[in-house]
Structure formats: structure tokens, C-alpha cells
């Protein structure tokens, strides 16, 4: 991730994608694997 990309963390990127800090993305992925990718539901509220 380029340094300037970190300025927009937490905001929509495109087509529903949300930027996460690389450390948080790794944690989220590990949790999703633990629970099962098919059992992982993501709900974003503003």
C-alpha cells in the first residue's frame, strides 16, 4: 500500500470496497478464516 492510500482508510474505494490498514486487513482475514469464509458476513453502517 502506498503511503498516500492510508489517508483514505475507512472510506469506500469502489463498488463497495472499503480500504483497511494492512495490519487490520490481516487480522480480519485471520478471523474470517477461523470462522469460515462462508460464515463471514460484512455489514457496513455509516
N, C-alpha and C. Protein backbone atom coordinates (compact mmCIF):
# COMPACT_ATOMS: atom_id res chain seq x y z
N UNK A 1 0.86 -1.17 0.00
CA UNK A 1 0.00 0.00 0.00
C UNK A 1 0.90 1.23 0.00
N UNK A 2 0.59 2.15 -0.86
CA UNK A 2 1.36 3.39 -0.93
C UNK A 2 0.95 4.31 0.21
N UNK A 3 1.88 5.12 0.73
CA UNK A 3 1.59 5.99 1.89
C UNK A 3 0.36 6.87 1.70
N UNK A 4 0.15 7.39 0.50
CA UNK A 4 -1.00 8.28 0.30
C UNK A 4 -2.32 7.53 0.34
N UNK A 5 -2.30 6.23 0.14
CA UNK A 5 -3.53 5.44 0.24
C UNK A 5 -4.03 5.37 1.68
N UNK A 6 -3.15 5.52 2.65
CA UNK A 6 -3.55 5.43 4.06
C UNK A 6 -4.42 6.62 4.48
N UNK A 7 -4.38 7.72 3.75
CA UNK A 7 -5.19 8.89 4.08
C UNK A 7 -6.68 8.63 3.95
N UNK A 8 -7.03 7.68 3.11
CA UNK A 8 -8.45 7.44 2.81
C UNK A 8 -8.99 6.18 3.48
N UNK A 9 -8.33 5.70 4.52
CA UNK A 9 -8.77 4.48 5.19
C UNK A 9 -10.19 4.62 5.72
N UNK A 10 -10.96 3.55 5.59
CA UNK A 10 -12.32 3.54 6.10
C UNK A 10 -13.35 4.13 5.17
N UNK A 11 -12.90 4.66 4.06
CA UNK A 11 -13.83 5.24 3.07
C UNK A 11 -14.01 4.28 1.92
N UNK A 12 -15.16 4.36 1.26
CA UNK A 12 -15.37 3.48 0.11
C UNK A 12 -14.29 3.67 -0.94
N UNK A 13 -13.87 2.59 -1.56
CA UNK A 13 -12.86 2.65 -2.61
C UNK A 13 -13.54 2.59 -3.98
N UNK A 14 -14.27 1.53 -4.23
CA UNK A 14 -15.00 1.38 -5.48
C UNK A 14 -15.92 0.18 -5.37
N UNK A 15 -17.07 0.28 -5.92
CA UNK A 15 -18.02 -0.83 -5.98
C UNK A 15 -18.19 -1.54 -4.63
N UNK A 16 -18.21 -0.77 -3.56
CA UNK A 16 -18.45 -1.36 -2.25
C UNK A 16 -17.21 -1.77 -1.50
N UNK A 17 -16.05 -1.63 -2.10
CA UNK A 17 -14.80 -1.96 -1.40
C UNK A 17 -14.50 -0.89 -0.35
N UNK A 18 -13.90 -1.30 0.74
CA UNK A 18 -13.51 -0.38 1.80
C UNK A 18 -12.03 -0.59 2.07
N UNK A 19 -11.32 0.52 2.17
CA UNK A 19 -9.88 0.43 2.45
C UNK A 19 -9.64 0.10 3.92
N UNK A 20 -8.71 -0.80 4.17
CA UNK A 20 -8.31 -1.15 5.53
C UNK A 20 -6.79 -1.01 5.63
N UNK A 21 -6.32 -0.66 6.83
CA UNK A 21 -4.89 -0.66 7.06
C UNK A 21 -4.41 -2.10 6.88
N UNK A 22 -3.24 -2.31 6.31
CA UNK A 22 -2.75 -3.68 6.08
C UNK A 22 -2.75 -4.54 7.35
N UNK A 23 -2.43 -3.96 8.49
CA UNK A 23 -2.45 -4.74 9.74
C UNK A 23 -3.87 -5.20 10.09
N UNK A 24 -4.84 -4.30 9.92
CA UNK A 24 -6.24 -4.65 10.21
C UNK A 24 -6.78 -5.64 9.19
N UNK A 25 -6.36 -5.51 7.95
CA UNK A 25 -6.80 -6.46 6.92
C UNK A 25 -6.31 -7.87 7.25
N UNK A 26 -5.08 -7.97 7.73
CA UNK A 26 -4.53 -9.28 8.10
C UNK A 26 -5.30 -9.88 9.27
N UNK A 27 -5.64 -9.06 10.26
CA UNK A 27 -6.42 -9.55 11.41
C UNK A 27 -7.81 -10.00 10.96
N UNK A 28 -8.43 -9.18 10.12
CA UNK A 28 -9.77 -9.52 9.64
C UNK A 28 -9.75 -10.84 8.85
N UNK A 29 -8.77 -11.01 8.01
CA UNK A 29 -8.67 -12.23 7.21
C UNK A 29 -8.48 -13.45 8.12
N UNK A 30 -7.64 -13.31 9.13
CA UNK A 30 -7.43 -14.42 10.07
C UNK A 30 -8.72 -14.78 10.79
N UNK A 31 -9.49 -13.77 11.21
CA UNK A 31 -10.77 -14.04 11.88
C UNK A 31 -11.76 -14.70 10.93
N UNK A 32 -11.78 -14.23 9.69
CA UNK A 32 -12.70 -14.81 8.71
C UNK A 32 -12.34 -16.27 8.44
N UNK A 33 -11.05 -16.57 8.35
CA UNK A 33 -10.64 -17.96 8.16
C UNK A 33 -11.04 -18.82 9.36
N UNK A 34 -10.89 -18.27 10.55
CA UNK A 34 -11.22 -19.01 11.77
C UNK A 34 -12.70 -19.35 11.83
N UNK A 35 -13.54 -18.43 11.43
CA UNK A 35 -14.99 -18.63 11.46
C UNK A 35 -15.50 -19.34 10.21
N UNK A 36 -14.70 -19.33 9.16
CA UNK A 36 -15.11 -19.90 7.87
C UNK A 36 -15.54 -18.79 6.95
N UNK A 37 -14.94 -18.73 5.79
CA UNK A 37 -15.24 -17.64 4.86
C UNK A 37 -16.72 -17.61 4.49
N UNK A 38 -17.34 -18.78 4.38
CA UNK A 38 -18.75 -18.84 4.05
C UNK A 38 -19.66 -18.37 5.16
N UNK A 39 -19.14 -18.31 6.38
CA UNK A 39 -19.91 -17.86 7.53
C UNK A 39 -19.65 -16.40 7.89
N UNK A 40 -18.86 -15.73 7.07
CA UNK A 40 -18.48 -14.36 7.36
C UNK A 40 -19.39 -13.40 6.60
N UNK A 41 -20.07 -12.54 7.34
CA UNK A 41 -20.94 -11.53 6.75
C UNK A 41 -20.40 -10.17 7.15
N UNK A 42 -20.33 -9.28 6.19
CA UNK A 42 -19.81 -7.94 6.44
C UNK A 42 -20.95 -6.95 6.27
N UNK A 43 -21.18 -6.17 7.31
CA UNK A 43 -22.21 -5.12 7.27
C UNK A 43 -21.52 -3.81 7.60
N UNK A 44 -21.66 -2.86 6.70
CA UNK A 44 -21.04 -1.54 6.90
C UNK A 44 -22.15 -0.53 7.12
N UNK A 45 -22.05 0.16 8.23
CA UNK A 45 -23.03 1.20 8.57
C UNK A 45 -22.32 2.54 8.62
N UNK A 46 -23.03 3.56 8.22
CA UNK A 46 -22.45 4.90 8.29
C UNK A 46 -22.96 5.65 9.46
